[in-house]
Each structure stands twice: as C-alpha cells, then as structure tokens.
Protein backbone atom coordinates (compact mmCIF):
# COMPACT_ATOMS: atom_id res chain seq x y z
CA ALA A 1 -10.79 -25.87 -33.58
CA ALA A 2 -8.25 -23.69 -31.80
CA ALA A 3 -10.97 -21.44 -30.41
CA ALA A 4 -12.96 -24.43 -29.21
CA LEU A 5 -9.93 -25.84 -27.40
CA GLU A 6 -9.23 -22.43 -25.84
CA GLU A 7 -12.78 -22.38 -24.48
CA SER A 8 -12.44 -25.97 -23.25
CA LEU A 9 -9.38 -25.01 -21.24
CA LYS A 10 -11.43 -22.37 -19.46
CA ALA A 11 -14.39 -24.66 -18.86
CA ALA A 12 -12.75 -28.04 -18.10
CA SER A 13 -11.73 -28.81 -14.54
CA SER A 14 -8.80 -31.11 -13.86
CA ARG A 15 -10.47 -32.27 -10.66
CA LYS A 16 -13.38 -33.71 -12.62
CA ALA A 17 -11.46 -35.13 -15.59
CA VAL A 18 -12.18 -38.88 -15.88
CA ASN A 19 -11.80 -39.77 -19.56
CA GLY A 20 -8.35 -38.42 -20.28
CA SER A 21 -5.51 -36.20 -19.21
CA PRO A 22 -6.13 -32.41 -19.14
CA SER A 23 -2.69 -31.91 -20.64
CA THR A 24 -4.01 -33.48 -23.86
CA LEU A 25 -5.98 -30.29 -24.52
CA VAL A 26 -2.86 -28.17 -24.23
CA LEU A 27 -0.69 -30.45 -26.34
CA THR A 28 -3.34 -30.71 -29.06
CA LEU A 29 -3.74 -26.93 -29.14
CA VAL A 30 0.04 -26.44 -29.37
CA ASP A 31 0.17 -28.87 -32.30
CA ILE A 32 -2.58 -26.93 -34.09
CA TYR A 33 -0.80 -23.61 -33.60
CA GLU A 34 2.60 -24.92 -34.65
CA ASN A 35 1.88 -27.34 -37.47
CA GLN A 36 -1.47 -26.31 -38.92
CA GLN A 37 -1.49 -22.54 -38.44
CA LYS A 38 2.31 -22.19 -38.51
CA ASN A 39 2.03 -19.74 -35.65
CA VAL A 40 4.90 -20.59 -33.32
CA ASP A 41 4.42 -17.43 -31.28
CA ALA A 42 0.86 -18.44 -30.42
CA ALA A 43 2.03 -21.88 -29.32
CA ARG A 44 4.80 -20.32 -27.25
CA ASN A 45 2.38 -17.84 -25.70
CA LEU A 46 -0.04 -20.63 -24.77
CA LEU A 47 2.69 -22.68 -23.09
CA GLU A 48 3.92 -19.63 -21.23
CA ARG A 49 0.43 -18.96 -19.90
CA ILE A 50 0.06 -22.58 -18.82
CA CYS A 51 3.53 -23.17 -17.37
CA SER A 52 4.57 -19.78 -15.99
CA LYS A 53 1.35 -17.92 -15.27
CA ASN A 54 -0.68 -20.98 -14.27
CA GLU A 55 -3.85 -19.98 -16.09
CA TYR A 56 -4.98 -23.58 -15.82
CA GLU A 57 -4.75 -25.38 -12.50
CA PHE A 58 -3.63 -28.99 -12.89
CA GLN A 59 -4.43 -31.55 -10.28
CA ASP A 60 -1.56 -33.89 -11.18
CA SER A 61 2.02 -32.65 -11.45
CA GLU A 62 2.70 -35.10 -14.28
CA ASP A 63 0.20 -33.22 -16.50
CA LEU A 64 2.00 -29.96 -15.84
CA ALA A 65 5.35 -31.68 -16.45
CA GLN A 66 4.14 -32.75 -19.91
CA CYS A 67 3.38 -29.12 -20.73
CA HIS A 68 6.85 -28.01 -19.60
CA ALA A 69 8.45 -30.78 -21.66
CA ALA A 70 6.36 -29.72 -24.68
CA TRP A 71 7.61 -26.14 -24.29
CA VAL A 72 11.25 -27.30 -24.16
CA GLU A 73 10.75 -29.49 -27.22
CA LEU A 74 9.09 -26.62 -29.07
CA GLU A 75 12.14 -24.43 -28.54
CA LEU A 76 14.40 -27.27 -29.61
CA ARG A 77 12.50 -27.61 -32.86
CA GLN A 78 12.99 -23.88 -33.39
CA GLU A 79 16.73 -24.35 -32.64
CA ASN A 80 16.60 -22.01 -29.66
CA TRP A 81 19.21 -24.06 -27.79
CA ASP A 82 19.91 -21.66 -24.95
CA MET A 83 16.23 -20.95 -24.37
CA SER A 84 15.31 -24.63 -24.29
CA LEU A 85 18.12 -25.44 -21.84
CA GLU A 86 17.07 -22.56 -19.58
CA LEU A 87 13.46 -23.77 -19.62
CA ALA A 88 14.54 -27.32 -18.68
CA ARG A 89 16.61 -26.00 -15.77
CA ARG A 90 13.83 -23.76 -14.55
CA ALA A 91 11.22 -26.54 -14.71
CA VAL A 92 13.01 -28.62 -12.03
CA SER A 93 14.26 -25.71 -9.95
CA GLY A 94 11.24 -25.72 -7.63
CA ASN A 95 10.79 -21.94 -8.05
CA ILE A 96 8.09 -21.91 -10.68
CA GLY A 97 4.33 -21.47 -10.55
CA ARG A 98 2.17 -20.79 -7.57
CA LYS A 99 3.67 -21.48 -4.22
CA GLY A 100 0.55 -23.25 -3.05
CA SER A 101 0.00 -25.27 -6.22
CA LYS A 102 0.39 -28.98 -5.63
CA ALA A 103 1.20 -29.66 -9.28
CA ALA A 104 3.89 -26.95 -9.37
CA ARG A 105 5.51 -28.26 -6.19
CA GLY A 106 5.74 -31.73 -7.68
CA LEU A 107 7.67 -30.61 -10.76
CA SER A 108 10.99 -30.83 -8.95
CA ARG A 109 10.45 -34.59 -8.51
CA SER A 110 9.24 -35.34 -12.04
CA LEU A 111 11.43 -37.99 -13.67
CA ARG A 112 10.22 -36.85 -17.08
CA LEU A 113 11.72 -33.39 -16.56
CA TRP A 114 14.90 -34.65 -14.93
CA ASN A 115 15.56 -37.09 -17.78
CA LEU A 116 15.01 -34.28 -20.26
CA LEU A 117 17.37 -32.00 -18.34
CA PHE A 118 20.13 -34.63 -18.14
CA ASP A 119 19.95 -35.28 -21.89
CA MET A 120 20.10 -31.59 -22.68
CA GLU A 121 22.92 -30.86 -20.26
CA GLU A 122 25.05 -33.63 -21.74
CA SER A 123 24.29 -32.38 -25.26
CA LEU A 124 24.18 -28.59 -24.86
CA GLY A 125 25.64 -27.80 -21.45
CA THR A 126 29.15 -27.85 -20.07
CA ILE A 127 30.79 -30.53 -17.95
CA GLN A 128 30.29 -28.44 -14.84
CA THR A 129 26.59 -27.71 -15.46
CA THR A 130 26.00 -31.41 -16.16
CA LYS A 131 27.72 -32.36 -12.92
CA ASP A 132 25.67 -29.75 -11.06
CA ALA A 133 22.43 -31.20 -12.45
CA TYR A 134 23.29 -34.76 -11.44
CA ASP A 135 24.56 -33.64 -8.03
CA ARG A 136 21.33 -31.75 -7.39
CA ALA A 137 19.27 -34.81 -8.32
CA LEU A 138 21.31 -36.96 -5.94
CA GLU A 139 21.03 -34.37 -3.20
CA TRP A 140 17.25 -34.11 -3.57
CA LYS A 141 17.04 -37.93 -3.75
CA VAL A 142 15.15 -37.95 -7.04
CA ALA A 143 17.84 -39.86 -8.94
CA THR A 144 17.32 -43.48 -9.92
CA PRO A 145 19.99 -46.20 -10.28
CA SER A 146 20.02 -45.59 -14.04
CA HIS A 147 20.77 -41.92 -13.40
CA VAL A 148 23.71 -42.87 -11.20
CA LEU A 149 25.03 -45.20 -13.89
CA ASN A 150 24.66 -42.50 -16.55
CA TYR A 151 26.40 -39.98 -14.32
CA ALA A 152 29.32 -42.32 -13.66
CA SER A 153 29.54 -43.21 -17.35
CA PHE A 154 29.55 -39.51 -18.29
CA LEU A 155 32.39 -38.77 -15.86
CA LYS A 156 34.31 -41.81 -17.08
CA GLU A 157 34.05 -40.63 -20.69
CA LYS A 158 35.40 -37.22 -19.64
CA LYS A 159 38.31 -38.91 -17.80
CA TYR A 160 37.06 -37.95 -14.32
CA PHE A 161 37.62 -41.44 -12.96
CA GLU A 162 37.77 -40.69 -9.26
CA GLU A 163 34.68 -38.50 -9.47
CA SER A 164 32.85 -41.33 -11.20
CA PHE A 165 33.70 -43.56 -8.23
CA VAL A 166 32.35 -40.85 -5.91
CA ALA A 167 29.13 -40.89 -7.94
CA TYR A 168 28.87 -44.65 -7.39
CA GLU A 169 29.42 -44.18 -3.66
CA ARG A 170 26.66 -41.55 -3.47
CA GLY A 171 24.35 -43.82 -5.44
CA LEU A 172 25.06 -46.73 -3.11
CA GLY A 173 24.21 -44.48 -0.20
CA LEU A 174 20.75 -43.98 -1.71
CA PHE A 175 20.18 -47.53 -2.95
CA GLN A 176 21.37 -50.09 -0.46
CA PHE A 177 20.75 -53.82 -0.34
CA PRO A 178 18.26 -55.44 -0.70
CA HIS A 179 17.26 -52.79 -3.30
CA ALA A 180 17.57 -54.25 -6.79
CA GLY A 181 19.56 -51.23 -7.93
CA ALA A 182 22.32 -51.93 -5.40
CA THR A 183 23.36 -55.11 -7.24
CA LEU A 184 23.59 -53.23 -10.54
CA LEU A 185 25.54 -50.33 -9.00
CA TRP A 186 28.02 -52.58 -7.19
CA LYS A 187 28.62 -54.68 -10.28
CA ASN A 188 29.36 -51.65 -12.48
CA TYR A 189 31.36 -49.97 -9.71
CA LEU A 190 33.66 -52.96 -9.24
CA THR A 191 33.97 -53.56 -12.98
CA ASP A 192 34.94 -49.94 -13.68
CA PHE A 193 37.37 -49.87 -10.76
CA LEU A 194 39.14 -53.05 -11.88
CA GLU A 195 39.19 -51.84 -15.47
CA ARG A 196 40.81 -48.58 -14.36
CA TYR A 197 43.37 -49.82 -11.84
CA GLY A 198 43.73 -53.57 -12.42
CA GLY A 199 46.10 -54.91 -9.79
CA SER A 200 47.76 -51.59 -8.92
CA LYS A 201 45.43 -50.82 -6.00
CA THR A 202 44.91 -54.27 -4.53
CA PRO A 203 44.18 -53.23 -0.90
CA ARG A 204 41.53 -50.77 -2.03
CA ALA A 205 39.96 -53.34 -4.36
CA ARG A 206 39.84 -55.90 -1.56
CA GLU A 207 38.21 -53.36 0.75
CA LEU A 208 35.51 -52.72 -1.87
CA PHE A 209 34.87 -56.43 -2.38
CA ASP A 210 34.69 -57.11 1.36
CA ARG A 211 32.30 -54.20 1.88
CA CYS A 212 30.08 -55.37 -0.95
CA LEU A 213 29.95 -58.96 0.29
CA ALA A 214 29.28 -57.84 3.87
CA GLU A 215 26.13 -56.01 2.73
CA CYS A 216 25.01 -58.28 -0.12
CA PRO A 217 22.25 -60.83 0.57
CA SER A 218 23.16 -64.44 -0.06
CA GLU A 219 20.95 -64.86 -3.13
CA ASN A 220 22.89 -62.13 -4.98
CA ALA A 221 26.36 -62.87 -3.65
CA SER A 222 27.58 -65.55 -6.05
CA GLU A 223 28.51 -63.22 -8.92
CA PHE A 224 30.50 -60.96 -6.58
CA TYR A 225 32.36 -63.93 -5.11
CA LEU A 226 33.24 -65.10 -8.61
CA LEU A 227 34.47 -61.62 -9.54
CA TYR A 228 36.48 -61.42 -6.31
CA GLY A 229 38.00 -64.86 -6.80
CA ASP A 230 38.96 -64.08 -10.39
CA TYR A 231 40.61 -60.85 -9.24
CA GLU A 232 42.67 -62.67 -6.62
CA GLU A 233 43.72 -65.31 -9.16
CA ASN A 234 44.94 -62.68 -11.62
CA HIS A 235 46.30 -59.99 -9.30
CA GLY A 236 46.46 -61.42 -5.78
CA LEU A 237 47.41 -64.60 -4.00
CA THR A 238 46.28 -68.15 -4.70
CA LYS A 239 45.63 -68.73 -1.00
CA ARG A 240 43.34 -65.70 -0.85
CA ALA A 241 41.54 -66.81 -4.02
CA LEU A 242 40.82 -70.23 -2.53
CA GLY A 243 39.69 -68.49 0.67
CA VAL A 244 37.19 -66.48 -1.37
CA TYR A 245 35.80 -69.63 -2.97
CA GLU A 246 35.52 -71.25 0.47
CA ARG A 247 33.57 -68.24 1.73
CA MET A 248 31.32 -68.52 -1.30
CA CYS A 249 30.49 -72.14 -0.46
CA ASN A 250 29.35 -71.07 3.01
CA ALA A 251 27.49 -67.94 1.93
CA VAL A 252 25.46 -68.85 -1.16
CA PRO A 253 21.93 -70.34 -0.87
CA ALA A 254 21.50 -74.09 -0.56
CA ALA A 255 20.45 -74.41 -4.21
CA GLU A 256 23.82 -73.03 -5.36
CA LYS A 257 26.10 -74.79 -2.87
CA TYR A 258 26.67 -77.86 -5.06
CA THR A 259 27.95 -75.73 -7.96
CA ALA A 260 30.02 -73.60 -5.58
CA TYR A 261 31.71 -76.64 -4.05
CA ARG A 262 32.49 -78.11 -7.46
CA LEU A 263 34.13 -74.83 -8.48
CA TYR A 264 36.09 -74.72 -5.22
CA ILE A 265 37.27 -78.31 -5.75
CA ALA A 266 38.32 -77.60 -9.33
CA LYS A 267 40.33 -74.53 -8.28
CA ALA A 268 41.97 -76.41 -5.40
CA ILE A 269 43.03 -79.25 -7.71
CA GLN A 270 44.31 -76.72 -10.26
CA TYR A 271 46.54 -74.85 -7.81
CA LEU A 272 47.34 -77.30 -4.99
CA GLY A 273 47.02 -80.77 -6.50
CA VAL A 274 44.50 -83.57 -6.39
CA THR A 275 44.99 -84.61 -2.77
CA SER A 276 44.20 -81.08 -1.54
CA ALA A 277 40.57 -81.62 -2.55
CA ARG A 278 39.95 -84.34 0.05
CA PRO A 279 38.97 -82.03 2.95
CA ILE A 280 36.82 -80.01 0.55
CA TYR A 281 34.98 -83.13 -0.59
CA GLU A 282 34.39 -84.10 3.04
CA ALA A 283 33.09 -80.63 3.92
CA ALA A 284 30.77 -80.68 0.89
CA ILE A 285 29.35 -84.10 1.80
CA SER A 286 28.60 -82.97 5.36
CA THR A 287 26.98 -79.71 4.18
CA LEU A 288 24.92 -80.62 1.13
CA GLY A 289 21.58 -82.36 0.99
CA ASP A 290 21.20 -86.03 0.19
CA GLY A 291 20.97 -85.72 -3.60
CA PRO A 292 23.93 -83.37 -4.17
CA ALA A 293 25.96 -85.13 -1.45
CA SER A 294 25.57 -88.50 -3.18
CA ARG A 295 26.80 -86.97 -6.45
CA ILE A 296 29.77 -85.48 -4.62
CA CYS A 297 30.49 -88.93 -3.18
CA LEU A 298 30.64 -90.37 -6.69
CA GLU A 299 33.07 -87.66 -7.77
CA TYR A 300 35.15 -88.20 -4.64
CA ALA A 301 35.27 -91.94 -5.24
CA LYS A 302 36.23 -91.39 -8.87
CA MET A 303 39.11 -89.16 -7.77
CA GLU A 304 40.35 -91.76 -5.27
CA THR A 305 40.06 -94.47 -7.90
CA GLY A 306 42.21 -92.40 -10.20
CA LEU A 307 44.81 -92.24 -7.43
CA ARG A 308 44.52 -96.05 -7.07
CA GLU A 309 43.20 -95.62 -3.54
CA THR A 310 40.63 -98.37 -3.93
CA ASP A 311 39.90 -98.80 -0.25
CA ARG A 312 39.31 -95.08 0.24
CA ALA A 313 37.04 -95.00 -2.82
CA ARG A 314 35.05 -97.96 -1.50
CA ALA A 315 34.68 -96.29 1.93
CA VAL A 316 33.32 -93.17 0.24
CA LEU A 317 30.82 -95.23 -1.75
CA VAL A 318 29.69 -97.03 1.39
CA TYR A 319 29.14 -93.73 3.17
CA GLY A 320 27.30 -92.20 0.23
CA ALA A 321 25.06 -95.24 -0.14
CA GLN A 322 22.96 -94.15 2.85
CA LEU A 323 22.06 -90.97 0.92
CA ALA A 324 21.05 -92.64 -2.35
CA ASP A 325 17.66 -94.32 -2.53
CA PRO A 326 17.92 -97.04 -5.21
CA ARG A 327 14.45 -96.09 -6.47
CA ARG A 328 15.39 -92.47 -7.13
CA ASP A 329 19.14 -92.65 -7.72
CA PRO A 330 19.89 -95.77 -9.76
CA ASP A 331 22.96 -94.10 -11.30
CA TYR A 332 24.73 -94.20 -7.95
CA TRP A 333 24.26 -97.93 -7.59
CA LYS A 334 25.19 -98.53 -11.19
CA ALA A 335 28.47 -96.67 -10.61
CA TRP A 336 29.21 -98.67 -7.47
CA HIS A 337 28.31 -101.91 -9.28
CA GLU A 338 30.78 -101.08 -12.06
CA PHE A 339 33.42 -100.13 -9.50
CA GLU A 340 33.19 -103.48 -7.76
CA VAL A 341 33.26 -105.31 -11.08
CA SER A 342 36.47 -103.50 -12.02
CA HIS A 343 38.25 -103.35 -8.67
CA GLY A 344 36.49 -105.69 -6.23
CA ASN A 345 36.25 -109.36 -5.41
CA GLU A 346 33.65 -111.73 -4.07
CA GLU A 347 33.62 -110.32 -0.55
CA THR A 348 33.42 -106.67 -1.59
CA PHE A 349 30.72 -107.38 -4.17
CA ARG A 350 28.74 -109.31 -1.57
CA GLU A 351 29.13 -106.38 0.85
CA MET A 352 27.83 -103.99 -1.81
CA LEU A 353 24.72 -106.11 -2.29
CA ARG A 354 24.20 -106.32 1.48
CA VAL A 355 24.44 -102.53 1.80
CA LYS A 356 22.03 -102.11 -1.08
CA ARG A 357 19.47 -104.34 0.60
CA SER A 358 19.89 -102.43 3.86
CA VAL A 359 19.39 -99.09 2.13
CA GLN A 360 16.34 -100.41 0.30
CA ALA A 361 14.89 -101.51 3.62
CA ALA A 362 15.66 -98.14 5.19
CA PHE A 363 13.93 -96.26 2.37
CA SER A 364 11.05 -98.73 2.08
CA THR A 365 8.81 -96.58 4.29
CA VAL A 366 9.47 -93.43 2.25
CA ASN A 367 6.81 -92.64 -0.34
CA TYR A 368 7.37 -90.51 -3.46
CA ASN A 369 4.99 -89.24 -6.07
CA SER A 370 5.52 -90.08 -9.72
CA ALA A 371 7.27 -86.80 -10.48
CA GLU A 372 9.85 -87.35 -7.75
CA MET A 373 10.38 -90.91 -8.90
CA GLY A 374 11.16 -89.63 -12.39
CA ALA A 375 8.24 -91.22 -14.19
CA GLY A 376 9.13 -92.08 -17.73
CA ALA A 377 12.88 -92.07 -17.08
CA PRO A 378 14.86 -94.57 -19.15
CA LYS A 379 15.65 -97.82 -17.43
CA VAL A 380 19.24 -98.13 -16.25
CA GLU A 381 20.91 -101.30 -17.53
CA THR A 382 23.38 -102.99 -15.19
CA LEU A 383 25.52 -106.09 -15.45
CA THR A 384 24.00 -109.29 -14.20
CA GLU A 385 25.67 -111.19 -11.39
CA GLU A 386 26.74 -113.89 -13.85
CA SER A 387 28.43 -111.32 -16.09
CA ALA A 388 30.09 -109.72 -13.08
CA LEU A 389 31.29 -113.18 -11.98
CA GLU A 390 32.95 -113.78 -15.32
CA MET A 391 34.60 -110.35 -15.46
CA ILE A 392 36.00 -110.51 -11.92
CA ALA A 393 37.20 -114.09 -12.41
CA LYS A 394 38.92 -113.07 -15.64
CA SER A 395 40.63 -110.08 -14.02
CA GLU A 396 41.87 -112.24 -11.12
CA GLY A 397 43.01 -115.09 -13.34
CA VAL A 398 40.53 -117.63 -11.96
CA GLU A 399 38.83 -120.11 -14.23
CA VAL A 400 35.14 -120.57 -13.80
CA ASP A 401 33.85 -124.12 -14.26
CA SER A 402 30.48 -123.88 -15.96
CA LYS A 403 29.75 -127.56 -15.14
CA LYS A 404 29.75 -126.91 -11.42
CA GLN A 405 26.47 -126.51 -9.68
CA PRO A 406 25.16 -122.96 -9.75
CA LEU A 407 26.03 -120.76 -6.84
CA ILE A 408 23.68 -118.49 -4.96
CA GLY A 409 22.41 -115.64 -7.11
CA GLY A 410 23.86 -112.29 -6.26
CA PHE A 411 27.36 -113.47 -5.27
CA VAL A 412 30.53 -113.34 -7.35
CA GLN A 413 33.02 -116.14 -7.69
CA GLY A 414 36.47 -115.07 -6.60
CA LYS A 415 39.52 -116.93 -5.37
CA ARG A 416 37.50 -118.93 -2.85
CA LYS A 417 37.52 -122.57 -3.99
CA ALA A 418 34.94 -123.99 -1.61
CA GLU A 419 31.43 -124.23 -2.98
CA VAL A 420 28.22 -123.59 -1.15
CA ALA A 421 24.78 -124.87 -1.85
CA ASP A 422 22.54 -122.56 0.08
CA LEU A 423 22.51 -119.28 2.00
CA GLY A 424 22.58 -121.02 5.39
CA GLU A 425 25.97 -122.51 4.59
CA VAL A 426 27.28 -119.07 3.62
CA GLU A 427 26.09 -117.58 6.90
CA ARG A 428 27.60 -120.43 8.98
CA ARG A 429 30.96 -119.96 7.25
CA ALA A 430 30.82 -116.21 7.67
C-alpha cells in the first residue's frame, strides 16, 4: 500500500485532481508509515520531501498547509517540542519552498498554520515569542477578530494590561465598523478597560465611549449606550448619564426608540423626580410613530393622573386619540373610557364620545388586512353607558331616578338636572 501511494504521488497531478484533495495521499501515507509500519523516520522523511524540498507541486496552498500541520503534529506526538515549534514558525515565515510556487507563497496567509502557531507559542514558547507571533500576524493583516481577542486575553492573563489595550487598538484599526468584528472588539475592549480601572480614569473612559459611538452604526449602538450610561451612573455624573440616554433615544433605529424613551423616562424619574419626565414624554410623542406614541400617551396620562393633574391627563388623552384607530387600538379607548368614568362628568364623557366618533370617521377610509387588524384577538369588554352613568352619579353624590324617561344613549347623567328628549334639544342647548 505504501509503495502504491508513493507511485501515485509521482503520477497524480494536483491540477487535474477533481475527486479529492491531493494532500489526502500524503496524509494517508504518513499514517501508514507511523501507525502500521511503526517507521517514524520514513514518515518524517516523506513530509520533509513534500514540505521542504517540494517534490510534489500543490496547486492549492491549503493542501500544502495540511502537510505542514501534519509534520508539526507528528513531532508533537514524538514529544519533540522544540522541533515542532520550529517547524510551525518556519511554515508561516514566508521563506520556505520554491520562490515561484503559488502554494508555498500562500502559506504565510494560512489560518490553519497561524492558529497552530499561536497555540504552540502559548503552550511551549515564551511571552516574548508569543507576542512576536501575534504582532507579526497583525502586521501582515492575517489576524482575525478572534486572534485579536485571544492576544488581548493572553496579555491580560500575564498582567500586561496596557499592552492588551494596544492589541485592541491595533485590532480596531484592522476591523472597523461596519465589520461585524468591530462590535465584538469594542465590547470586550470597553469591558476589560472598565474592569481594570473602574472609575479611576474617567476622562479616558469617556473618550473611548465617545469614539466608539461616533463610529458605531445606529443598529449596533444601543448596547454601547447602555454600557456608557451605566458607567456614568456608577462612576460619573447623573446629568451626564441622562445625557447619554437622551443621545441614545436620538441615535437608535426607529424600532428601538420606544424602548429607549421608556428607559430614559424611568431614569429621569429615578434621579430627578416625576415632573422631570414631562418634556421627555412630549419629545417621545413627537418622535415616535402612531402606535408607540399612543402607548406613550397612555403612560403620560397615567403619570398625570397619579399627580392628580386630571386636566393635563385628559389633554394628553385627547391628543393621543388622533393616533389610535379604534379598530386597531381598542385598549387606548378602553383606558380613556375608564378614566372618564373615574374622573370625569357628563360633559367630559360626552366630549370623549365625540372625539371617538371623529377619529372613527377620520380612519374610516383606511383599510387594513386581517393580520394588521389582529384577527382572532380577544374582544375588549368596556362599561356600557348605563353603567358609566351609575358610577359617575355615585361618585358625584347624585341620585339617578330610574323612573324618569330614558336619556339619549351614549351620554352620562351628571349634576345637570334638566332632561332632554332628543339630540336636537341637546344641540340647541349646547
């Protein structure tokens, strides 16, 4: 079998190989020499002829890289540590094989060989030789984001903190936004920096955050804004933290603005009080789309109700009503209905119904498909006008005479004592 494979290496041409990799012949022959014939010298001699003397001309550099990796692994199995490390260094040096060989020239850019070299340097080499290997990969621009992370992690373990930050900076010079690796590098860079220095180097940390956010695209910026805001809350100033959250609301994509504004509002209430959220609510309503803006209006009205600012809450609900189609957003109208039952009177309840009819008329020309309408959604139960009449009358201390003739449907009995029989009379009085 070994003789047949030796002959096949002489006869097979890598340019015409279509059913497999030519390196398979070499690796199979090495396995036969080492494991079946127990002849390590023959296996080593074969790999030397292939890798150093180029007896076989490979078309693809990856095939030749597999042979070099097999030679290194062979020496490792024989516990020739120094020899294996020297072979790994030589494989990526760019000074091996024929000068005109395309496969040999490509060895210096083979990730297989570089990964093998990094593992061996960290295990068998010194700190300086490991640093030299990573620096050479960064200089030749063959390193990947994972290599940069491994390099920085290695330096961090050896207590070379500032050099690990330099490694991150060099990696960011190679992988800039919108490259996917830039997000990973910046996240680890900032995390390691904050873990190392905390709040002792605040100006430098702020400079890093500002530089990151200036380069970061909006779709990836939210996590950096959150990290920046948390840093300012713990080590900086409250005013700067709220400024970061405000910047986040303006920078993130439209799909994330609602969540960003809710976070900003919560932080403002936490640090500055409830009334400080009013301008933020107003900015959110003017910025967001109809759906999120109507939800913000409900939250704004709930806050004002909690402050017993009933008129302000009602004004917010009136403004938000133009954004809430009763067919698609019944929860909004249910909330307003309950608000008027609890805090309104006949006039305000009548105004709510008038606004609802106006909004229904405004949206009557808008068509939605069944998915947008929320087909199959549970029906929202609301109080009837009669129930609302009784609740408002009870809260205002007015007795309702059930023997009186029924009033117009849709209106609530309040303190008004005059009765009306039809809608025309109501309009004439109004």
